[in-house]
Amino acid sequence: MALQYSMRARITWISAVPEAEKVRYLTEMTERVEVLFFERRWRLSVILRAQTELQQLMSSH
């Protein structure tokens, strides 16, 4: 997941997409990644939801 995130973030950053859209997309992805790696483990439902949302975001762009 971390490798996918870093590759997708890099591709997004160097793309020809307008700056505001890049920032919005990267912010959305980063919020979910932070939950995956830094949320308390007992909050499993929050982590699983973040993982699902991140996968959907990465597959839609």
N, C-alpha and C. Protein backbone atom coordinates (compact mmCIF):
# COMPACT_ATOMS: atom_id res chain seq x y z
N MET A 1 0.82 -1.19 0.00
CA MET A 1 0.00 0.00 0.00
C MET A 1 0.87 1.25 0.00
N ALA A 2 1.92 1.26 0.80
CA ALA A 2 2.79 2.44 0.87
C ALA A 2 3.48 2.69 -0.46
N LEU A 3 3.90 1.64 -1.12
CA LEU A 3 4.55 1.79 -2.42
C LEU A 3 3.57 2.33 -3.46
N GLN A 4 2.37 1.80 -3.46
CA GLN A 4 1.33 2.30 -4.38
C GLN A 4 1.06 3.77 -4.14
N TYR A 5 0.95 4.14 -2.87
CA TYR A 5 0.69 5.53 -2.52
C TYR A 5 1.82 6.43 -3.03
N SER A 6 3.05 6.05 -2.76
CA SER A 6 4.17 6.90 -3.16
C SER A 6 4.27 7.02 -4.67
N MET A 7 4.02 5.93 -5.38
CA MET A 7 4.05 5.99 -6.85
C MET A 7 2.92 6.86 -7.39
N ARG A 8 1.73 6.68 -6.85
CA ARG A 8 0.58 7.47 -7.30
C ARG A 8 0.77 8.95 -6.99
N ALA A 9 1.33 9.25 -5.82
CA ALA A 9 1.58 10.64 -5.45
C ALA A 9 2.59 11.27 -6.41
N ARG A 10 3.63 10.56 -6.74
CA ARG A 10 4.65 11.09 -7.66
C ARG A 10 4.07 11.32 -9.05
N ILE A 11 3.32 10.36 -9.53
CA ILE A 11 2.69 10.49 -10.86
C ILE A 11 1.76 11.69 -10.88
N THR A 12 0.99 11.86 -9.82
CA THR A 12 0.07 12.98 -9.73
C THR A 12 0.82 14.30 -9.73
N TRP A 13 1.90 14.36 -8.95
CA TRP A 13 2.63 15.61 -8.81
C TRP A 13 3.25 16.07 -10.13
N ILE A 14 3.73 15.13 -10.97
CA ILE A 14 4.37 15.52 -12.22
C ILE A 14 3.39 15.58 -13.39
N SER A 15 2.13 15.32 -13.14
CA SER A 15 1.13 15.34 -14.21
C SER A 15 0.77 16.77 -14.61
N ALA A 16 0.03 16.87 -15.70
CA ALA A 16 -0.39 18.17 -16.22
C ALA A 16 -1.71 18.64 -15.62
N VAL A 17 -2.15 18.01 -14.58
CA VAL A 17 -3.40 18.36 -13.91
C VAL A 17 -3.22 19.72 -13.22
N PRO A 18 -4.26 20.54 -13.18
CA PRO A 18 -4.16 21.84 -12.49
C PRO A 18 -3.72 21.67 -11.03
N GLU A 19 -2.97 22.64 -10.54
CA GLU A 19 -2.38 22.59 -9.21
C GLU A 19 -3.41 22.34 -8.10
N ALA A 20 -4.53 23.02 -8.17
CA ALA A 20 -5.56 22.87 -7.13
C ALA A 20 -6.10 21.44 -7.09
N GLU A 21 -6.27 20.83 -8.24
CA GLU A 21 -6.77 19.46 -8.28
C GLU A 21 -5.72 18.48 -7.75
N LYS A 22 -4.44 18.73 -8.06
CA LYS A 22 -3.36 17.89 -7.53
C LYS A 22 -3.37 17.92 -6.00
N VAL A 23 -3.45 19.12 -5.46
CA VAL A 23 -3.42 19.28 -4.00
C VAL A 23 -4.61 18.59 -3.36
N ARG A 24 -5.78 18.75 -3.95
CA ARG A 24 -6.99 18.12 -3.41
C ARG A 24 -6.86 16.59 -3.40
N TYR A 25 -6.42 16.04 -4.52
CA TYR A 25 -6.28 14.59 -4.64
C TYR A 25 -5.21 14.06 -3.68
N LEU A 26 -4.07 14.73 -3.60
CA LEU A 26 -3.00 14.29 -2.71
C LEU A 26 -3.42 14.39 -1.24
N THR A 27 -4.18 15.43 -0.92
CA THR A 27 -4.68 15.57 0.45
C THR A 27 -5.63 14.44 0.80
N GLU A 28 -6.53 14.11 -0.11
CA GLU A 28 -7.47 13.00 0.13
C GLU A 28 -6.72 11.69 0.35
N MET A 29 -5.74 11.42 -0.50
CA MET A 29 -4.96 10.18 -0.36
C MET A 29 -4.18 10.17 0.95
N THR A 30 -3.52 11.28 1.26
CA THR A 30 -2.66 11.34 2.43
C THR A 30 -3.46 11.18 3.72
N GLU A 31 -4.66 11.74 3.76
CA GLU A 31 -5.49 11.58 4.96
C GLU A 31 -5.76 10.10 5.23
N ARG A 32 -6.06 9.34 4.19
CA ARG A 32 -6.33 7.92 4.36
C ARG A 32 -5.08 7.14 4.73
N VAL A 33 -3.96 7.50 4.13
CA VAL A 33 -2.70 6.82 4.46
C VAL A 33 -2.33 7.06 5.92
N GLU A 34 -2.52 8.27 6.40
CA GLU A 34 -2.23 8.57 7.80
C GLU A 34 -3.09 7.71 8.73
N VAL A 35 -4.34 7.51 8.38
CA VAL A 35 -5.20 6.64 9.20
C VAL A 35 -4.66 5.21 9.18
N LEU A 36 -4.28 4.72 8.01
CA LEU A 36 -3.79 3.35 7.90
C LEU A 36 -2.56 3.10 8.76
N PHE A 37 -1.65 4.06 8.80
CA PHE A 37 -0.39 3.82 9.48
C PHE A 37 -0.31 4.38 10.89
N PHE A 38 -1.15 5.33 11.24
CA PHE A 38 -0.99 5.98 12.53
C PHE A 38 -2.22 5.89 13.45
N GLU A 39 -3.30 5.32 12.98
CA GLU A 39 -4.50 5.17 13.82
C GLU A 39 -4.28 4.05 14.82
N ARG A 40 -4.90 4.15 15.95
CA ARG A 40 -4.80 3.10 16.97
C ARG A 40 -5.37 1.79 16.41
N ARG A 41 -4.68 0.70 16.67
CA ARG A 41 -5.05 -0.60 16.10
C ARG A 41 -6.41 -1.09 16.56
N TRP A 42 -6.88 -0.67 17.70
CA TRP A 42 -8.19 -1.13 18.16
C TRP A 42 -9.32 -0.48 17.40
N ARG A 43 -9.04 0.51 16.59
CA ARG A 43 -10.07 1.16 15.77
C ARG A 43 -10.07 0.55 14.36
N LEU A 44 -10.22 -0.74 14.32
CA LEU A 44 -10.11 -1.51 13.08
C LEU A 44 -11.10 -1.05 12.02
N SER A 45 -12.33 -0.73 12.40
CA SER A 45 -13.33 -0.32 11.41
C SER A 45 -12.91 0.96 10.70
N VAL A 46 -12.29 1.89 11.42
CA VAL A 46 -11.82 3.14 10.82
C VAL A 46 -10.68 2.85 9.84
N ILE A 47 -9.79 1.96 10.23
CA ILE A 47 -8.66 1.60 9.38
C ILE A 47 -9.13 0.91 8.11
N LEU A 48 -10.05 -0.03 8.23
CA LEU A 48 -10.57 -0.74 7.06
C LEU A 48 -11.30 0.20 6.10
N ARG A 49 -12.07 1.14 6.66
CA ARG A 49 -12.76 2.11 5.83
C ARG A 49 -11.75 2.98 5.08
N ALA A 50 -10.71 3.43 5.75
CA ALA A 50 -9.69 4.25 5.12
C ALA A 50 -8.97 3.48 4.01
N GLN A 51 -8.71 2.21 4.24
CA GLN A 51 -8.05 1.39 3.23
C GLN A 51 -8.94 1.24 2.00
N THR A 52 -10.20 0.99 2.20
CA THR A 52 -11.14 0.86 1.08
C THR A 52 -11.24 2.18 0.30
N GLU A 53 -11.36 3.28 1.01
CA GLU A 53 -11.46 4.59 0.35
C GLU A 53 -10.18 4.92 -0.42
N LEU A 54 -9.04 4.58 0.14
CA LEU A 54 -7.77 4.84 -0.54
C LEU A 54 -7.67 4.01 -1.82
N GLN A 55 -8.04 2.75 -1.75
CA GLN A 55 -8.02 1.92 -2.95
C GLN A 55 -8.95 2.46 -4.03
N GLN A 56 -10.12 2.93 -3.63
CA GLN A 56 -11.05 3.51 -4.59
C GLN A 56 -10.49 4.78 -5.21
N LEU A 57 -9.88 5.62 -4.40
CA LEU A 57 -9.27 6.85 -4.91
C LEU A 57 -8.16 6.55 -5.91
N MET A 58 -7.30 5.61 -5.57
CA MET A 58 -6.18 5.29 -6.46
C MET A 58 -6.65 4.65 -7.75
N SER A 59 -7.70 3.89 -7.71
CA SER A 59 -8.17 3.24 -8.94
C SER A 59 -8.98 4.20 -9.82
N SER A 60 -9.50 5.27 -9.24
CA SER A 60 -10.32 6.19 -10.02
C SER A 60 -9.48 7.26 -10.73
N HIS A 61 -8.24 7.45 -10.33
CA HIS A 61 -7.41 8.48 -10.96
C HIS A 61 -6.36 7.88 -11.82
